[in-house]
Amino acid sequence: MPKKIMVVDDDPDIVEYLVNVFEDHGYLTCRAFDGITAFDVALEEKPDLITLDLEMPHEWGPRFYRRLTQEDQFSDIPVIVISGLSGIHLAIKRAVATIKKPFDPTDVIEIVRKALSDTED
C-alpha cells in the first residue's frame, strides 16, 4: 500500500505543488493549511510522513508538531521542515530534514524516499 504524506503549509500554491509532486511519485496525500487544521487531518488521515511549514496562521508549525507527537500513534512520525525562514534547522530538532524555500522537488522526493524507507515495517 502506498505511503501517505501530509503537506502542511499556509500557501495553497505550495501545497498544490507538493501534493502533485508526491502523487506523481505514487504517494497518497492529504493537506492542511494551518497547525490547528493539521492536527485534525492527521488524526483522521494517519499520514506516514509530514512536510511542515513553520510560519502559519493560528498555530505555528513547531507547536503543531509538539502537540501531534504527544499522541502515541505519532510520537515517531518523520517530519520534513520546508520553510522560507532562516534558522529552520533549529525549529524542530527531530526533523529528518530541513529544506529552504524555494526548493528543488527532486531533493524533496529523495529525502521523502529515504525517510519512508527507514520507517518500513
Protein backbone atom coordinates (compact mmCIF):
# COMPACT_ATOMS: atom_id res chain seq x y z
CA MET A 1 0.00 0.00 0.00
CA PRO A 2 1.38 3.45 -0.86
CA LYS A 3 2.63 5.65 1.96
CA LYS A 4 0.68 8.80 2.79
CA ILE A 5 2.26 12.24 3.08
CA MET A 6 0.55 15.17 4.77
CA VAL A 7 1.50 18.58 3.38
CA VAL A 8 1.06 21.44 5.87
CA ASP A 9 1.61 24.95 4.55
CA ASP A 10 -0.44 28.15 4.54
CA ASP A 11 0.43 28.85 0.89
CA PRO A 12 -2.12 26.99 -1.29
CA ASP A 13 0.22 27.11 -4.30
CA ILE A 14 2.98 25.31 -2.40
CA VAL A 15 0.52 22.77 -1.02
CA GLU A 16 -0.83 22.04 -4.50
CA TYR A 17 2.68 21.84 -5.96
CA LEU A 18 3.93 19.39 -3.31
CA VAL A 19 0.76 17.28 -3.50
CA ASN A 20 1.26 16.99 -7.28
CA VAL A 21 4.93 16.07 -6.87
CA PHE A 22 4.15 13.39 -4.29
CA GLU A 23 1.18 11.95 -6.20
CA ASP A 24 3.27 11.86 -9.40
CA HIS A 25 5.70 9.64 -7.48
CA GLY A 26 2.99 7.25 -6.26
CA TYR A 27 2.33 8.60 -2.77
CA LEU A 28 -1.07 9.23 -1.26
CA THR A 29 -1.53 12.73 0.14
CA CYS A 30 -3.59 14.83 2.48
CA ARG A 31 -3.26 18.52 3.22
CA ALA A 32 -3.79 21.24 5.77
CA PHE A 33 -3.24 24.99 5.69
CA ASP A 34 -2.52 25.68 9.38
CA GLY A 35 -1.44 23.83 12.51
CA ILE A 36 -4.89 23.60 14.06
CA THR A 37 -6.49 22.01 11.00
CA ALA A 38 -3.39 19.84 10.50
CA PHE A 39 -3.88 18.20 13.88
CA ASP A 40 -7.41 17.09 12.98
CA VAL A 41 -6.36 15.99 9.49
CA ALA A 42 -3.50 13.92 10.95
CA LEU A 43 -5.82 12.16 13.39
CA GLU A 44 -8.24 11.33 10.59
CA GLU A 45 -5.82 10.53 7.75
CA LYS A 46 -2.94 8.95 9.73
CA PRO A 47 -0.09 10.05 7.45
CA ASP A 48 3.27 8.27 7.36
CA LEU A 49 5.26 11.49 6.94
CA ILE A 50 4.60 15.24 7.23
CA THR A 51 6.08 18.16 5.32
CA LEU A 52 5.68 21.19 7.53
CA ASP A 53 5.96 24.93 7.06
CA LEU A 54 6.96 26.84 10.18
CA GLU A 55 5.21 30.18 9.91
CA MET A 56 1.46 29.75 9.56
CA PRO A 57 -1.67 31.42 10.91
CA HIS A 58 -3.48 30.13 14.01
CA GLU A 59 -0.70 27.78 15.14
CA TRP A 60 2.99 27.83 14.34
CA GLY A 61 4.47 24.64 12.80
CA PRO A 62 6.65 23.63 15.77
CA ARG A 63 3.75 23.99 18.19
CA PHE A 64 1.57 21.77 15.99
CA TYR A 65 4.39 19.19 15.76
CA ARG A 66 4.92 19.13 19.54
CA ARG A 67 1.19 18.67 20.10
CA LEU A 68 0.92 15.95 17.47
CA THR A 69 3.89 13.93 18.72
CA GLN A 70 2.34 13.79 22.19
CA GLU A 71 -0.17 11.38 20.63
CA ASP A 72 1.25 7.84 20.86
CA GLN A 73 0.48 6.99 17.24
CA PHE A 74 2.51 9.98 16.03
CA SER A 75 5.33 10.02 18.56
CA ASP A 76 7.91 8.99 15.93
CA ILE A 77 6.38 10.37 12.72
CA PRO A 78 9.03 11.74 10.38
CA VAL A 79 8.75 15.43 9.55
CA ILE A 80 10.46 17.44 6.83
CA VAL A 81 10.50 21.17 7.53
CA ILE A 82 10.02 23.24 4.37
CA SER A 83 10.20 26.96 5.11
CA GLY A 84 11.45 30.29 3.89
CA LEU A 85 12.53 31.32 7.39
CA SER A 86 16.17 31.45 8.37
CA GLY A 87 17.39 29.15 11.13
CA ILE A 88 14.85 26.48 10.17
CA HIS A 89 17.24 23.69 11.13
CA LEU A 90 16.74 24.73 14.75
CA ALA A 91 12.94 24.77 14.79
CA ILE A 92 12.25 21.04 15.09
CA LYS A 93 15.27 19.12 16.30
CA ARG A 94 13.80 15.72 15.34
CA ALA A 95 13.13 16.75 11.72
CA VAL A 96 14.58 14.26 9.22
CA ALA A 97 15.48 17.22 7.00
CA THR A 98 15.07 20.96 6.65
CA ILE A 99 14.54 22.43 3.21
CA LYS A 100 14.69 26.13 2.41
CA LYS A 101 12.13 27.64 0.02
CA PRO A 102 12.41 27.79 -2.92
CA PHE A 103 13.26 24.11 -3.24
CA ASP A 104 14.06 21.53 -5.88
CA PRO A 105 11.32 18.84 -5.98
CA THR A 106 13.94 16.19 -6.81
CA ASP A 107 15.65 16.88 -3.48
CA VAL A 108 12.33 16.66 -1.65
CA ILE A 109 11.45 13.29 -3.23
CA GLU A 110 14.90 11.89 -2.42
CA ILE A 111 14.54 12.89 1.23
CA VAL A 112 10.98 11.52 1.39
CA ARG A 113 12.04 8.17 -0.08
CA LYS A 114 14.87 7.82 2.40
CA ALA A 115 12.74 8.84 5.37
CA LEU A 116 9.92 6.48 4.43
CA SER A 117 12.25 3.57 3.70
CA ASP A 118 13.61 4.00 7.23
CA THR A 119 10.05 3.58 8.62
CA GLU A 120 9.12 0.43 6.67
CA ASP A 121 8.00 -2.48 8.82
